[in-house]
Amino acid sequence: MKKLVKILPILMTVLMVITAISPVFGAEGLLDSVKPTPEKTQATTFWEVGNNVLGIIQIVGTLIAVGVLMVIGIKYMMGSAEEKAEYKKTMLPYIIGAIVLFAAVNIAKAVVSVAGSITQTK
């Protein structure tokens, strides 16, 4: 349990940094949208909709994850010893869920950007 207490803050910090940096990696694609294109095809609108949906999922998921973390943290600070033990048990599924959420959205964005670059080169 002591190892988890030491590893958990480091893991959460790394996840927050990765989540904060991920839009910066996507900024390169924003410069491509400034170039004039002859016409918008159905495929480009499909990619735009997909990127918008992924962005919304990431924002909503992050807001929910932070809100739940705040609630659990406040309950943990105010709880008795028995309640603190219960909140520690609820933290593991929360952390796994947050990792899955952030990883899934970032992996999906990476797949969409790679697929979009493949279709644009053809």
PDB file of N, CA and C in Angstrom:
ATOM      1  N   MET A   1       0.820  -1.187   0.000  1.00  0.00           N
ATOM      2  CA  MET A   1       0.000   0.000   0.000  1.00  0.00           C
ATOM      3  C   MET A   1       0.868   1.257   0.000  1.00  0.00           C
ATOM      4  N   LYS A   2       2.027   1.179   0.697  1.00  0.00           N
ATOM      5  CA  LYS A   2       2.900   2.343   0.752  1.00  0.00           C
ATOM      6  C   LYS A   2       3.495   2.641  -0.624  1.00  0.00           C
ATOM      7  N   LYS A   3       3.749   1.584  -1.412  1.00  0.00           N
ATOM      8  CA  LYS A   3       4.258   1.799  -2.767  1.00  0.00           C
ATOM      9  C   LYS A   3       3.217   2.529  -3.614  1.00  0.00           C
ATOM     10  N   LEU A   4       1.958   2.152  -3.457  1.00  0.00           N
ATOM     11  CA  LEU A   4       0.878   2.797  -4.211  1.00  0.00           C
ATOM     12  C   LEU A   4       0.775   4.277  -3.865  1.00  0.00           C
ATOM     13  N   VAL A   5       0.949   4.595  -2.591  1.00  0.00           N
ATOM     14  CA  VAL A   5       0.878   5.990  -2.157  1.00  0.00           C
ATOM     15  C   VAL A   5       2.026   6.798  -2.763  1.00  0.00           C
ATOM     16  N   LYS A   6       3.179   6.176  -2.969  1.00  0.00           N
ATOM     17  CA  LYS A   6       4.315   6.873  -3.563  1.00  0.00           C
ATOM     18  C   LYS A   6       4.198   6.963  -5.076  1.00  0.00           C
ATOM     19  N   ILE A   7       3.685   5.920  -5.712  1.00  0.00           N
ATOM     20  CA  ILE A   7       3.601   5.869  -7.171  1.00  0.00           C
ATOM     21  C   ILE A   7       2.419   6.676  -7.696  1.00  0.00           C
ATOM     22  N   LEU A   8       1.338   6.711  -6.966  1.00  0.00           N
ATOM     23  CA  LEU A   8       0.115   7.359  -7.417  1.00  0.00           C
ATOM     24  C   LEU A   8       0.289   8.837  -7.766  1.00  0.00           C
ATOM     25  N   PRO A   9       0.910   9.660  -6.933  1.00  0.00           N
ATOM     26  CA  PRO A   9       1.080  11.075  -7.331  1.00  0.00           C
ATOM     27  C   PRO A   9       1.953  11.246  -8.567  1.00  0.00           C
ATOM     28  N   ILE A  10       2.963  10.416  -8.697  1.00  0.00           N
ATOM     29  CA  ILE A  10       3.826  10.497  -9.876  1.00  0.00           C
ATOM     30  C   ILE A  10       3.044  10.125 -11.124  1.00  0.00           C
ATOM     31  N   LEU A  11       2.257   9.059 -11.049  1.00  0.00           N
ATOM     32  CA  LEU A  11       1.459   8.616 -12.185  1.00  0.00           C
ATOM     33  C   LEU A  11       0.429   9.667 -12.580  1.00  0.00           C
ATOM     34  N   MET A  12      -0.233  10.262 -11.611  1.00  0.00           N
ATOM     35  CA  MET A  12      -1.234  11.285 -11.904  1.00  0.00           C
ATOM     36  C   MET A  12      -0.576  12.528 -12.520  1.00  0.00           C
ATOM     37  N   THR A  13       0.611  12.893 -12.047  1.00  0.00           N
ATOM     38  CA  THR A  13       1.317  14.039 -12.614  1.00  0.00           C
ATOM     39  C   THR A  13       1.696  13.781 -14.062  1.00  0.00           C
ATOM     40  N   VAL A  14       2.196  12.581 -14.339  1.00  0.00           N
ATOM     41  CA  VAL A  14       2.555  12.231 -15.711  1.00  0.00           C
ATOM     42  C   VAL A  14       1.331  12.255 -16.610  1.00  0.00           C
ATOM     43  N   LEU A  15       0.221  11.727 -16.146  1.00  0.00           N
ATOM     44  CA  LEU A  15      -1.010  11.731 -16.941  1.00  0.00           C
ATOM     45  C   LEU A  15      -1.504  13.153 -17.209  1.00  0.00           C
ATOM     46  N   MET A  16      -1.412  14.024 -16.213  1.00  0.00           N
ATOM     47  CA  MET A  16      -1.850  15.400 -16.426  1.00  0.00           C
ATOM     48  C   MET A  16      -0.957  16.115 -17.427  1.00  0.00           C
ATOM     49  N   VAL A  17       0.355  15.850 -17.365  1.00  0.00           N
ATOM     50  CA  VAL A  17       1.268  16.482 -18.320  1.00  0.00           C
ATOM     51  C   VAL A  17       0.995  15.980 -19.724  1.00  0.00           C
ATOM     52  N   ILE A  18       0.790  14.679 -19.876  1.00  0.00           N
ATOM     53  CA  ILE A  18       0.504  14.122 -21.201  1.00  0.00           C
ATOM     54  C   ILE A  18      -0.792  14.689 -21.753  1.00  0.00           C
ATOM     55  N   THR A  19      -1.808  14.800 -20.911  1.00  0.00           N
ATOM     56  CA  THR A  19      -3.082  15.346 -21.359  1.00  0.00           C
ATOM     57  C   THR A  19      -2.957  16.826 -21.725  1.00  0.00           C
ATOM     58  N   ALA A  20      -2.156  17.564 -20.981  1.00  0.00           N
ATOM     59  CA  ALA A  20      -1.987  18.978 -21.273  1.00  0.00           C
ATOM     60  C   ALA A  20      -1.174  19.202 -22.542  1.00  0.00           C
ATOM     61  N   ILE A  21      -0.246  18.300 -22.844  1.00  0.00           N
ATOM     62  CA  ILE A  21       0.622  18.466 -24.014  1.00  0.00           C
ATOM     63  C   ILE A  21      -0.036  17.966 -25.289  1.00  0.00           C
ATOM     64  N   SER A  22      -0.989  17.052 -25.207  1.00  0.00           N
ATOM     65  CA  SER A  22      -1.568  16.453 -26.406  1.00  0.00           C
ATOM     66  C   SER A  22      -2.168  17.465 -27.384  1.00  0.00           C
ATOM     67  N   PRO A  23      -2.814  18.557 -26.947  1.00  0.00           N
ATOM     68  CA  PRO A  23      -3.286  19.529 -27.938  1.00  0.00           C
ATOM     69  C   PRO A  23      -2.140  20.231 -28.673  1.00  0.00           C
ATOM     70  N   VAL A  24      -0.985  20.339 -28.042  1.00  0.00           N
ATOM     71  CA  VAL A  24       0.160  20.987 -28.688  1.00  0.00           C
ATOM     72  C   VAL A  24       0.634  20.147 -29.860  1.00  0.00           C
ATOM     73  N   PHE A  25       0.635  18.835 -29.701  1.00  0.00           N
ATOM     74  CA  PHE A  25       1.039  17.973 -30.797  1.00  0.00           C
ATOM     75  C   PHE A  25       0.059  18.066 -31.960  1.00  0.00           C
ATOM     76  N   GLY A  26      -1.196  18.336 -31.660  1.00  0.00           N
ATOM     77  CA  GLY A  26      -2.198  18.471 -32.710  1.00  0.00           C
ATOM     78  C   GLY A  26      -2.188  19.832 -33.372  1.00  0.00           C
ATOM     79  N   ALA A  27      -1.418  20.786 -32.858  1.00  0.00           N
ATOM     80  CA  ALA A  27      -1.412  22.132 -33.410  1.00  0.00           C
ATOM     81  C   ALA A  27      -0.820  22.174 -34.812  1.00  0.00           C
ATOM     82  N   GLU A  28       0.019  21.223 -35.158  1.00  0.00           N
ATOM     83  CA  GLU A  28       0.600  21.203 -36.492  1.00  0.00           C
ATOM     84  C   GLU A  28      -0.475  21.050 -37.553  1.00  0.00           C
ATOM     85  N   GLY A  29      -1.486  20.274 -37.286  1.00  0.00           N
ATOM     86  CA  GLY A  29      -2.579  20.102 -38.228  1.00  0.00           C
ATOM     87  C   GLY A  29      -3.396  21.363 -38.424  1.00  0.00           C
ATOM     88  N   LEU A  30      -3.389  22.255 -37.430  1.00  0.00           N
ATOM     89  CA  LEU A  30      -4.142  23.501 -37.556  1.00  0.00           C
ATOM     90  C   LEU A  30      -3.554  24.388 -38.645  1.00  0.00           C
ATOM     91  N   LEU A  31      -2.257  24.346 -38.820  1.00  0.00           N
ATOM     92  CA  LEU A  31      -1.629  25.172 -39.845  1.00  0.00           C
ATOM     93  C   LEU A  31      -2.013  24.703 -41.244  1.00  0.00           C
ATOM     94  N   ASP A  32      -2.270  23.411 -41.388  1.00  0.00           N
ATOM     95  CA  ASP A  32      -2.663  22.887 -42.692  1.00  0.00           C
ATOM     96  C   ASP A  32      -4.052  23.387 -43.102  1.00  0.00           C
ATOM     97  N   SER A  33      -4.897  23.685 -42.131  1.00  0.00           N
ATOM     98  CA  SER A  33      -6.252  24.132 -42.458  1.00  0.00           C
ATOM     99  C   SER A  33      -6.261  25.567 -42.997  1.00  0.00           C
ATOM    100  N   VAL A  34      -5.179  26.308 -42.809  1.00  0.00           N
ATOM    101  CA  VAL A  34      -5.102  27.677 -43.306  1.00  0.00           C
ATOM    102  C   VAL A  34      -4.907  27.691 -44.821  1.00  0.00           C
ATOM    103  N   LYS A  35      -4.253  26.660 -45.352  1.00  0.00           N
ATOM    104  CA  LYS A  35      -4.016  26.596 -46.790  1.00  0.00           C
ATOM    105  C   LYS A  35      -5.350  26.463 -47.525  1.00  0.00           C
ATOM    106  N   PRO A  36      -5.512  27.162 -48.629  1.00  0.00           N
ATOM    107  CA  PRO A  36      -6.769  27.033 -49.368  1.00  0.00           C
ATOM    108  C   PRO A  36      -6.869  25.656 -50.025  1.00  0.00           C
ATOM    109  N   THR A  37      -8.034  25.090 -49.938  1.00  0.00           N
ATOM    110  CA  THR A  37      -8.271  23.799 -50.576  1.00  0.00           C
ATOM    111  C   THR A  37      -9.255  24.006 -51.712  1.00  0.00           C
ATOM    112  N   PRO A  38      -9.095  23.268 -52.806  1.00  0.00           N
ATOM    113  CA  PRO A  38      -9.975  23.476 -53.946  1.00  0.00           C
ATOM    114  C   PRO A  38     -11.438  23.184 -53.625  1.00  0.00           C
ATOM    115  N   GLU A  39     -11.680  22.120 -52.898  1.00  0.00           N
ATOM    116  CA  GLU A  39     -13.060  21.768 -52.550  1.00  0.00           C
ATOM    117  C   GLU A  39     -13.052  20.848 -51.351  1.00  0.00           C
ATOM    118  N   LYS A  40     -14.128  20.902 -50.600  1.00  0.00           N
ATOM    119  CA  LYS A  40     -14.264  19.997 -49.470  1.00  0.00           C
ATOM    120  C   LYS A  40     -14.986  18.746 -49.939  1.00  0.00           C
ATOM    121  N   THR A  41     -14.368  17.639 -49.672  1.00  0.00           N
ATOM    122  CA  THR A  41     -15.004  16.375 -50.039  1.00  0.00           C
ATOM    123  C   THR A  41     -15.765  15.840 -48.833  1.00  0.00           C
ATOM    124  N   GLN A  42     -16.479  14.782 -49.077  1.00  0.00           N
ATOM    125  CA  GLN A  42     -17.246  14.169 -48.003  1.00  0.00           C
ATOM    126  C   GLN A  42     -16.301  13.565 -46.965  1.00  0.00           C
ATOM    127  N   ALA A  43     -15.137  13.104 -47.408  1.00  0.00           N
ATOM    128  CA  ALA A  43     -14.176  12.510 -46.488  1.00  0.00           C
ATOM    129  C   ALA A  43     -13.621  13.547 -45.523  1.00  0.00           C
ATOM    130  N   THR A  44     -13.338  14.766 -46.005  1.00  0.00           N
ATOM    131  CA  THR A  44     -12.787  15.785 -45.101  1.00  0.00           C
ATOM    132  C   THR A  44     -13.807  16.214 -44.057  1.00  0.00           C
ATOM    133  N   THR A  45     -15.069  16.308 -44.430  1.00  0.00           N
ATOM    134  CA  THR A  45     -16.080  16.654 -43.430  1.00  0.00           C
ATOM    135  C   THR A  45     -16.243  15.532 -42.415  1.00  0.00           C
ATOM    136  N   PHE A  46     -16.062  14.285 -42.853  1.00  0.00           N
ATOM    137  CA  PHE A  46     -16.126  13.152 -41.942  1.00  0.00           C
ATOM    138  C   PHE A  46     -15.002  13.246 -40.909  1.00  0.00           C
ATOM    139  N   TRP A  47     -13.795  13.583 -41.356  1.00  0.00           N
ATOM    140  CA  TRP A  47     -12.663  13.705 -40.431  1.00  0.00           C
ATOM    141  C   TRP A  47     -12.883  14.873 -39.474  1.00  0.00           C
ATOM    142  N   GLU A  48     -13.429  15.959 -39.954  1.00  0.00           N
ATOM    143  CA  GLU A  48     -13.683  17.112 -39.090  1.00  0.00           C
ATOM    144  C   GLU A  48     -14.700  16.766 -38.008  1.00  0.00           C
ATOM    145  N   VAL A  49     -15.751  16.070 -38.382  1.00  0.00           N
ATOM    146  CA  VAL A  49     -16.765  15.663 -37.405  1.00  0.00           C
ATOM    147  C   VAL A  49     -16.147  14.714 -36.385  1.00  0.00           C
ATOM    148  N   GLY A  50     -15.336  13.777 -36.851  1.00  0.00           N
ATOM    149  CA  GLY A  50     -14.669  12.841 -35.937  1.00  0.00           C
ATOM    150  C   GLY A  50     -13.763  13.552 -34.958  1.00  0.00           C
ATOM    151  N   ASN A  51     -12.996  14.522 -35.439  1.00  0.00           N
ATOM    152  CA  ASN A  51     -12.118  15.280 -34.551  1.00  0.00           C
ATOM    153  C   ASN A  51     -12.917  16.095 -33.545  1.00  0.00           C
ATOM    154  N   ASN A  52     -14.029  16.679 -33.975  1.00  0.00           N
ATOM    155  CA  ASN A  52     -14.878  17.436 -33.056  1.00  0.00           C
ATOM    156  C   ASN A  52     -15.469  16.547 -31.968  1.00  0.00           C
ATOM    157  N   VAL A  53     -15.930  15.363 -32.351  1.00  0.00           N
ATOM    158  CA  VAL A  53     -16.508  14.427 -31.380  1.00  0.00           C
ATOM    159  C   VAL A  53     -15.453  13.996 -30.370  1.00  0.00           C
ATOM    160  N   LEU A  54     -14.242  13.676 -30.853  1.00  0.00           N
ATOM    161  CA  LEU A  54     -13.175  13.269 -29.939  1.00  0.00           C
ATOM    162  C   LEU A  54     -12.805  14.401 -28.985  1.00  0.00           C
ATOM    163  N   GLY A  55     -12.798  15.628 -29.488  1.00  0.00           N
ATOM    164  CA  GLY A  55     -12.495  16.772 -28.620  1.00  0.00           C
ATOM    165  C   GLY A  55     -13.543  16.954 -27.541  1.00  0.00           C
ATOM    166  N   ILE A  56     -14.802  16.798 -27.915  1.00  0.00           N
ATOM    167  CA  ILE A  56     -15.886  16.932 -26.939  1.00  0.00           C
ATOM    168  C   ILE A  56     -15.801  15.834 -25.888  1.00  0.00           C
ATOM    169  N   ILE A  57     -15.529  14.606 -26.318  1.00  0.00           N
ATOM    170  CA  ILE A  57     -15.398  13.491 -25.369  1.00  0.00           C
ATOM    171  C   ILE A  57     -14.254  13.757 -24.405  1.00  0.00           C
ATOM    172  N   GLN A  58     -13.147  14.272 -24.915  1.00  0.00           N
ATOM    173  CA  GLN A  58     -12.000  14.544 -24.053  1.00  0.00           C
ATOM    174  C   GLN A  58     -12.319  15.638 -23.037  1.00  0.00           C
ATOM    175  N   ILE A  59     -12.970  16.692 -23.462  1.00  0.00           N
ATOM    176  CA  ILE A  59     -13.278  17.793 -22.553  1.00  0.00           C
ATOM    177  C   ILE A  59     -14.285  17.360 -21.486  1.00  0.00           C
ATOM    178  N   VAL A  60     -15.353  16.708 -21.912  1.00  0.00           N
ATOM    179  CA  VAL A  60     -16.381  16.267 -20.958  1.00  0.00           C
ATOM    180  C   VAL A  60     -15.809  15.234 -19.993  1.00  0.00           C
ATOM    181  N   GLY A  61     -15.033  14.291 -20.523  1.00  0.00           N
ATOM    182  CA  GLY A  61     -14.423  13.269 -19.664  1.00  0.00           C
ATOM    183  C   GLY A  61     -13.470  13.864 -18.650  1.00  0.00           C
ATOM    184  N   THR A  62     -12.691  14.849 -19.065  1.00  0.00           N
ATOM    185  CA  THR A  62     -11.763  15.500 -18.143  1.00  0.00           C
ATOM    186  C   THR A  62     -12.518  16.247 -17.058  1.00  0.00           C
ATOM    187  N   LEU A  63     -13.572  16.964 -17.436  1.00  0.00           N
ATOM    188  CA  LEU A  63     -14.360  17.690 -16.437  1.00  0.00           C
ATOM    189  C   LEU A  63     -14.996  16.741 -15.422  1.00  0.00           C
ATOM    190  N   ILE A  64     -15.531  15.643 -15.906  1.00  0.00           N
ATOM    191  CA  ILE A  64     -16.154  14.670 -14.999  1.00  0.00           C
ATOM    192  C   ILE A  64     -15.102  14.040 -14.089  1.00  0.00           C
ATOM    193  N   ALA A  65     -13.938  13.680 -14.661  1.00  0.00           N
ATOM    194  CA  ALA A  65     -12.883  13.056 -13.865  1.00  0.00           C
ATOM    195  C   ALA A  65     -12.388  13.997 -12.772  1.00  0.00           C
ATOM    196  N   VAL A  66     -12.199  15.259 -13.102  1.00  0.00           N
ATOM    197  CA  VAL A  66     -11.740  16.223 -12.099  1.00  0.00           C
ATOM    198  C   VAL A  66     -12.812  16.435 -11.036  1.00  0.00           C
ATOM    199  N   GLY A  67     -14.074  16.517 -11.448  1.00  0.00           N
ATOM    200  CA  GLY A  67     -15.158  16.681 -10.481  1.00  0.00           C
ATOM    201  C   GLY A  67     -15.257  15.524  -9.513  1.00  0.00           C
ATOM    202  N   VAL A  68     -15.172  14.314 -10.034  1.00  0.00           N
ATOM    203  CA  VAL A  68     -15.250  13.130  -9.172  1.00  0.00           C
ATOM    204  C   VAL A  68     -14.046  13.083  -8.231  1.00  0.00           C
ATOM    205  N   LEU A  69     -12.866  13.430  -8.742  1.00  0.00           N
ATOM    206  CA  LEU A  69     -11.677  13.442  -7.895  1.00  0.00           C
ATOM    207  C   LEU A  69     -11.826  14.459  -6.760  1.00  0.00           C
ATOM    208  N   MET A  70     -12.406  15.610  -7.067  1.00  0.00           N
ATOM    209  CA  MET A  70     -12.620  16.619  -6.023  1.00  0.00           C
ATOM    210  C   MET A  70     -13.583  16.107  -4.958  1.00  0.00           C
ATOM    211  N   VAL A  71     -14.654  15.457  -5.381  1.00  0.00           N
ATOM    212  CA  VAL A  71     -15.642  14.941  -4.420  1.00  0.00           C
ATOM    213  C   VAL A  71     -15.016  13.866  -3.544  1.00  0.00           C
ATOM    214  N   ILE A  72     -14.299  12.938  -4.151  1.00  0.00           N
ATOM    215  CA  ILE A  72     -13.664  11.870  -3.370  1.00  0.00           C
ATOM    216  C   ILE A  72     -12.618  12.458  -2.424  1.00  0.00           C
ATOM    217  N   GLY A  73     -11.852  13.449  -2.900  1.00  0.00           N
ATOM    218  CA  GLY A  73     -10.843  14.069  -2.044  1.00  0.00           C
ATOM    219  C   GLY A  73     -11.441  14.784  -0.848  1.00  0.00           C
ATOM    220  N   ILE A  74     -12.535  15.508  -1.069  1.00  0.00           N
ATOM    221  CA  ILE A  74     -13.188  16.206   0.045  1.00  0.00           C
ATOM    222  C   ILE A  74     -13.777  15.205   1.033  1.00  0.00           C
ATOM    223  N   LYS A  75     -14.420  14.161   0.526  1.00  0.00           N
ATOM    224  CA  LYS A  75     -14.963  13.136   1.419  1.00  0.00           C
ATOM    225  C   LYS A  75     -13.849  12.447   2.200  1.00  0.00           C
ATOM    226  N   TYR A  76     -12.696  12.231   1.540  1.00  0.00           N
ATOM    227  CA  TYR A  76     -11.563  11.588   2.199  1.00  0.00           C
ATOM    228  C   TYR A  76     -11.035  12.467   3.337  1.00  0.00           C
ATOM    229  N   MET A  77     -10.947  13.773   3.089  1.00  0.00           N
ATOM    230  CA  MET A  77     -10.439  14.681   4.125  1.00  0.00           C
ATOM    231  C   MET A  77     -11.393  14.781   5.305  1.00  0.00           C
ATOM    232  N   MET A  78     -12.689  14.711   5.054  1.00  0.00           N
ATOM    233  CA  MET A  78     -13.675  14.891   6.108  1.00  0.00           C
ATOM    234  C   MET A  78     -14.063  13.585   6.796  1.00  0.00           C
ATOM    235  N   GLY A  79     -13.680  12.451   6.238  1.00  0.00           N
ATOM    236  CA  GLY A  79     -14.148  11.171   6.748  1.00  0.00           C
ATOM    237  C   GLY A  79     -13.362  10.656   7.938  1.00  0.00           C
ATOM    238  N   SER A  80     -13.969   9.677   8.602  1.00  0.00           N
ATOM    239  CA  SER A  80     -13.311   9.010   9.715  1.00  0.00           C
ATOM    240  C   SER A  80     -12.341   7.967   9.169  1.00  0.00           C
ATOM    241  N   ALA A  81     -11.679   7.244  10.050  1.00  0.00           N
ATOM    242  CA  ALA A  81     -10.687   6.251   9.626  1.00  0.00           C
ATOM    243  C   ALA A  81     -11.344   5.145   8.792  1.00  0.00           C
ATOM    244  N   GLU A  82     -12.533   4.716   9.196  1.00  0.00           N
ATOM    245  CA  GLU A  82     -13.221   3.670   8.442  1.00  0.00           C
ATOM    246  C   GLU A  82     -13.660   4.176   7.070  1.00  0.00           C
ATOM    247  N   GLU A  83     -14.147   5.404   7.022  1.00  0.00           N
ATOM    248  CA  GLU A  83     -14.569   5.979   5.747  1.00  0.00           C
ATOM    249  C   GLU A  83     -13.383   6.203   4.822  1.00  0.00           C
ATOM    250  N   LYS A  84     -12.230   6.574   5.390  1.00  0.00           N
ATOM    251  CA  LYS A  84     -11.029   6.769   4.575  1.00  0.00           C
ATOM    252  C   LYS A  84     -10.610   5.467   3.909  1.00  0.00           C
ATOM    253  N   ALA A  85     -10.751   4.364   4.628  1.00  0.00           N
ATOM    254  CA  ALA A  85     -10.418   3.061   4.047  1.00  0.00           C
ATOM    255  C   ALA A  85     -11.352   2.752   2.874  1.00  0.00           C
ATOM    256  N   GLU A  86     -12.617   3.099   3.019  1.00  0.00           N
ATOM    257  CA  GLU A  86     -13.572   2.881   1.922  1.00  0.00           C
ATOM    258  C   GLU A  86     -13.231   3.745   0.711  1.00  0.00           C
ATOM    259  N   TYR A  87     -12.859   5.003   0.952  1.00  0.00           N
ATOM    260  CA  TYR A  87     -12.533   5.898  -0.164  1.00  0.00           C
ATOM    261  C   TYR A  87     -11.262   5.456  -0.879  1.00  0.00           C
ATOM    262  N   LYS A  88     -10.337   4.868  -0.135  1.00  0.00           N
ATOM    263  CA  LYS A  88      -9.128   4.339  -0.776  1.00  0.00           C
ATOM    264  C   LYS A  88      -9.493   3.188  -1.720  1.00  0.00           C
ATOM    265  N   LYS A  89     -10.493   2.399  -1.335  1.00  0.00           N
ATOM    266  CA  LYS A  89     -10.935   1.306  -2.198  1.00  0.00           C
ATOM    267  C   LYS A  89     -11.607   1.836  -3.464  1.00  0.00           C
ATOM    268  N   THR A  90     -12.297   2.968  -3.357  1.00  0.00           N
ATOM    269  CA  THR A  90     -12.964   3.523  -4.536  1.00  0.00           C
ATOM    270  C   THR A  90     -11.989   4.250  -5.457  1.00  0.00           C
ATOM    271  N   MET A  91     -10.813   4.599  -4.950  1.00  0.00           N
ATOM    272  CA  MET A  91      -9.844   5.331  -5.767  1.00  0.00           C
ATOM    273  C   MET A  91      -9.264   4.471  -6.891  1.00  0.00           C
ATOM    274  N   LEU A  92      -9.037   3.193  -6.659  1.00  0.00           N
ATOM    275  CA  LEU A  92      -8.419   2.338  -7.681  1.00  0.00           C
ATOM    276  C   LEU A  92      -9.282   2.239  -8.941  1.00  0.00           C
ATOM    277  N   PRO A  93     -10.578   1.943  -8.841  1.00  0.00           N
ATOM    278  CA  PRO A  93     -11.385   1.941 -10.074  1.00  0.00           C
ATOM    279  C   PRO A  93     -11.460   3.319 -10.725  1.00  0.00           C
ATOM    280  N   TYR A  94     -11.458   4.376  -9.922  1.00  0.00           N
ATOM    281  CA  TYR A  94     -11.480   5.734 -10.482  1.00  0.00           C
ATOM    282  C   TYR A  94     -10.218   5.991 -11.286  1.00  0.00           C
ATOM    283  N   ILE A  95      -9.079   5.653 -10.736  1.00  0.00           N
ATOM    284  CA  ILE A  95      -7.804   5.889 -11.424  1.00  0.00           C
ATOM    285  C   ILE A  95      -7.728   5.074 -12.704  1.00  0.00           C
ATOM    286  N   ILE A  96      -8.141   3.819 -12.647  1.00  0.00           N
ATOM    287  CA  ILE A  96      -8.134   2.985 -13.852  1.00  0.00           C
ATOM    288  C   ILE A  96      -9.069   3.569 -14.905  1.00  0.00           C
ATOM    289  N   GLY A  97     -10.223   4.028 -14.488  1.00  0.00           N
ATOM    290  CA  GLY A  97     -11.168   4.637 -15.426  1.00  0.00           C
ATOM    291  C   GLY A  97     -10.624   5.907 -16.055  1.00  0.00           C
ATOM    292  N   ALA A  98      -9.963   6.742 -15.254  1.00  0.00           N
ATOM    293  CA  ALA A  98      -9.389   7.985 -15.784  1.00  0.00           C
ATOM    294  C   ALA A  98      -8.274   7.680 -16.780  1.00  0.00           C
ATOM    295  N   ILE A  99      -7.441   6.700 -16.465  1.00  0.00           N
ATOM    296  CA  ILE A  99      -6.361   6.312 -17.382  1.00  0.00           C
ATOM    297  C   ILE A  99      -6.940   5.788 -18.689  1.00  0.00           C
ATOM    298  N   VAL A 100      -7.963   4.951 -18.596  1.00  0.00           N
ATOM    299  CA  VAL A 100      -8.587   4.403 -19.808  1.00  0.00           C
ATOM    300  C   VAL A 100      -9.212   5.527 -20.633  1.00  0.00           C
ATOM    301  N   LEU A 101      -9.872   6.459 -19.980  1.00  0.00           N
ATOM    302  CA  LEU A 101     -10.492   7.574 -20.695  1.00  0.00           C
ATOM    303  C   LEU A 101      -9.455   8.402 -21.440  1.00  0.00           C
ATOM    304  N   PHE A 102      -8.423   8.834 -20.743  1.00  0.00           N
ATOM    305  CA  PHE A 102      -7.414   9.680 -21.374  1.00  0.00           C
ATOM    306  C   PHE A 102      -6.653   8.921 -22.458  1.00  0.00           C
ATOM    307  N   ALA A 103      -6.316   7.671 -22.180  1.00  0.00           N
ATOM    308  CA  ALA A 103      -5.570   6.892 -23.165  1.00  0.00           C
ATOM    309  C   ALA A 103      -6.426   6.611 -24.400  1.00  0.00           C
ATOM    310  N   ALA A 104      -7.686   6.259 -24.202  1.00  0.00           N
ATOM    311  CA  ALA A 104      -8.542   5.927 -25.341  1.00  0.00           C
ATOM    312  C   ALA A 104      -8.753   7.129 -26.248  1.00  0.00           C
ATOM    313  N   VAL A 105      -8.995   8.290 -25.675  1.00  0.00           N
ATOM    314  CA  VAL A 105      -9.213   9.480 -26.498  1.00  0.00           C
ATOM    315  C   VAL A 105      -7.939   9.865 -27.240  1.00  0.00           C
ATOM    316  N   ASN A 106      -6.799   9.818 -26.556  1.00  0.00           N
ATOM    317  CA  ASN A 106      -5.550  10.186 -27.221  1.00  0.00           C
ATOM    318  C   ASN A 106      -5.154   9.176 -28.296  1.00  0.00           C
ATOM    319  N   ILE A 107      -5.387   7.898 -28.054  1.00  0.00           N
ATOM    320  CA  ILE A 107      -5.100   6.882 -29.072  1.00  0.00           C
ATOM    321  C   ILE A 107      -6.029   7.068 -30.265  1.00  0.00           C
ATOM    322  N   ALA A 108      -7.301   7.348 -30.001  1.00  0.00           N
ATOM    323  CA  ALA A 108      -8.246   7.558 -31.100  1.00  0.00           C
ATOM    324  C   ALA A 108      -7.863   8.785 -31.917  1.00  0.00           C
ATOM    325  N   LYS A 109      -7.420   9.855 -31.254  1.00  0.00           N
ATOM    326  CA  LYS A 109      -6.986  11.042 -31.986  1.00  0.00           C
ATOM    327  C   LYS A 109      -5.761  10.739 -32.839  1.00  0.00           C
ATOM    328  N   ALA A 110      -4.846   9.947 -32.315  1.00  0.00           N
ATOM    329  CA  ALA A 110      -3.656   9.591 -33.081  1.00  0.00           C
ATOM    330  C   ALA A 110      -4.024   8.764 -34.309  1.00  0.00           C
ATOM    331  N   VAL A 111      -4.948   7.823 -34.138  1.00  0.00           N
ATOM    332  CA  VAL A 111      -5.391   7.000 -35.269  1.00  0.00           C
ATOM    333  C   VAL A 111      -6.083   7.866 -36.322  1.00  0.00           C
ATOM    334  N   VAL A 112      -6.906   8.794 -35.889  1.00  0.00           N
ATOM    335  CA  VAL A 112      -7.602   9.665 -36.829  1.00  0.00           C
ATOM    336  C   VAL A 112      -6.600  10.539 -37.586  1.00  0.00           C
ATOM    337  N   SER A 113      -5.603  11.066 -36.891  1.00  0.00           N
ATOM    338  CA  SER A 113      -4.634  11.917 -37.583  1.00  0.00           C
ATOM    339  C   SER A 113      -3.787  11.118 -38.562  1.00  0.00           C
ATOM    340  N   VAL A 114      -3.405   9.895 -38.194  1.00  0.00           N
ATOM    341  CA  VAL A 114      -2.627   9.051 -39.123  1.00  0.00           C
ATOM    342  C   VAL A 114      -3.485   8.652 -40.310  1.00  0.00           C
ATOM    343  N   ALA A 115      -4.707   8.264 -40.067  1.00  0.00           N
ATOM    344  CA  ALA A 115      -5.593   7.886 -41.158  1.00  0.00           C
ATOM    345  C   ALA A 115      -5.874   9.078 -42.061  1.00  0.00           C
ATOM    346  N   GLY A 116      -6.031  10.249 -41.486  1.00  0.00           N
ATOM    347  CA  GLY A 116      -6.265  11.450 -42.279  1.00  0.00           C
ATOM    348  C   GLY A 116      -5.078  11.802 -43.130  1.00  0.00           C
ATOM    349  N   SER A 117      -3.872  11.632 -42.600  1.00  0.00           N
ATOM    350  CA  SER A 117      -2.688  11.942 -43.412  1.00  0.00           C
ATOM    351  C   SER A 117      -2.499  10.926 -44.515  1.00  0.00           C
ATOM    352  N   ILE A 118      -2.878   9.685 -44.310  1.00  0.00           N
ATOM    353  CA  ILE A 118      -2.778   8.660 -45.338  1.00  0.00           C
ATOM    354  C   ILE A 118      -3.745   8.960 -46.482  1.00  0.00           C
ATOM    355  N   THR A 119      -4.970   9.344 -46.128  1.00  0.00           N
ATOM    356  CA  THR A 119      -5.963   9.608 -47.180  1.00  0.00           C
ATOM    357  C   THR A 119      -5.652  10.906 -47.925  1.00  0.00           C
ATOM    358  N   GLN A 120      -5.004  11.867 -47.272  1.00  0.00           N
ATOM    359  CA  GLN A 120      -4.675  13.125 -47.934  1.00  0.00           C
ATOM    360  C   GLN A 120      -3.522  12.968 -48.901  1.00  0.00           C
ATOM    361  N   THR A 121      -2.631  11.997 -48.672  1.00  0.00           N
ATOM    362  CA  THR A 121      -1.489  11.817 -49.562  1.00  0.00           C
ATOM    363  C   THR A 121      -1.882  11.089 -50.840  1.00  0.00           C
ATOM    364  N   LYS A 122      -2.992  10.401 -50.839  1.00  0.00           N
ATOM    365  CA  LYS A 122      -3.407   9.665 -52.039  1.00  0.00           C
ATOM    366  C   LYS A 122      -4.065  10.555 -53.032  1.00  0.00           C
TER     367      LYS A 122
END
